[in-house]
Amino acid sequence: MRVSSLLPVSLILILLLPVVIAENKQVELSIETSIADYDIGITNAAMAPDGSSVLIVGNEGYSHLISAKNPGDRSLDVELNSARDNNLNDVAWHPRGEAALIAGDFGTALRYEKVDHSVTIVNGTGAILGRDMSAVAWRSAGDYAYFGSDDGSLWRFSEGTGFLNLGNDGDSKVTGISCHLNYDLCVVSTISSGLGVIGPTHNITWISGTKTNTWIDVDCPDAQLNECVAFASGLRMTSIQLNTVDHTKSSVGNMVEYRTLEGDFIAASRGYSSSSIIYLAPSGTVRYDPLNDVAKVQISSSQMAEWDSVVAGRQISYVWENDFNSGFMLTSNGNIISFEPYQIEIENTMLTTIILAAVTVSVPGVIIGLIYMNSPFLQRKYKQLMKRKSK
């Protein structure tokens, strides 16, 4: 009797086993190609607003344009000439997508023009000469961009006025700048100066109580929420609640620490459908959904290591998606790895057919049996029926 009761339960567990595996493994990985046959030293990249191309920057003035949808096709590449030997550290597309700004070492600030693929020096770089520019972002209106430096200084830029220091600078490296999609508000992350919010009139306010963490990046992925999210070393993350009326009254939410994850946070980029993709060292990604406040492993470090131990040892420089869990990963060496949603294939064997048939029959039986055992009324009716048959 005990064996009979355990059989349906065992069959159900067998049937549900692939679901558990699918929850643990989100995507399938495959090597797409490498941009070059040597270590390029890619530092960052950004996908164009229309999703057509990805602008890549790297060490020693490296700049390159690839297709966002077919990055493995080298015939679609555009080799750019920055005419610079300084390291390029960050890139930001204008909201309209016709140009992009590039930030680099020793006061490097460049503009890429989509129409002719030219890369030129922007106006007013004399003001930032000698500073290593570490981050850049356009605010939503597209009239001003903000640059951050390794020394903690922050600058506003427009082609007409050049560079103007915001004042109230931090004293540590600016690791990230991200601007809200609907408001002229931008958030700033730093190594040890805390988190800041830049208001519509270009003044920055540092949020109290945020200096104790090492912030590695920041993102504002959802246009409908009045908040951004900041990521810190130690697998920590917090929301930044934006006060759209008075940015000086913006605050942070509760700190969350994801101790069960492998590695540590190193950077982030915009994911599909208003999400953020967080990069893990040694190699992995996590998707954060701000609307539902849920973080979920997309690619684990162990999955990367099992797939290709050599590629897994290379740092992730950029990740972009063309659909949910469908996109590409770019390493510092120039490897392009594609990922697609993990598909479970159930082989249609005789054993599978038997299991499915057994479950189909047994599950309703178990449910009916449980109802019967817990219903004195049904038991009484059954006894009465059996007595009538015996007569």
Foldseek 3Di string as FASTA:
>chain_A
DVVVVVVLVVLVCVVCVVVVVLQVAWWDKDFLFFLDPWQPAWAAWDAFPVQFWIWTFGAQGFIKIAGFVRRSDNVRIDGADQVGGFTWAEKEAQNVRQKIWTFAAQLFIWMAGPVVRHIGGAPDSVVVGHWGWHEKYAAQVSQWIWIWTQQQWIWIAHSVPGTDTQPPGFGGGWQEKEYANPARKIKTFGQQRFIWIQHPVGHIAHAPPGRVFGWRYKYHQDNVAQWIKTFTWQQKIWIWRADRVDRNPIHIDDIDHDPVAPATWHYWDHEPPSWIWTAGPPGFIWIADVVVRDIGTNGHLVNVCVVPVVVSRFGWNDWYAPHVQWGWTATSRRTIMTIDTDDDDDDPDPVVVVSVVCNVPVVVVVVVVVVCVPDPVNVVVVVVVVVVVVD
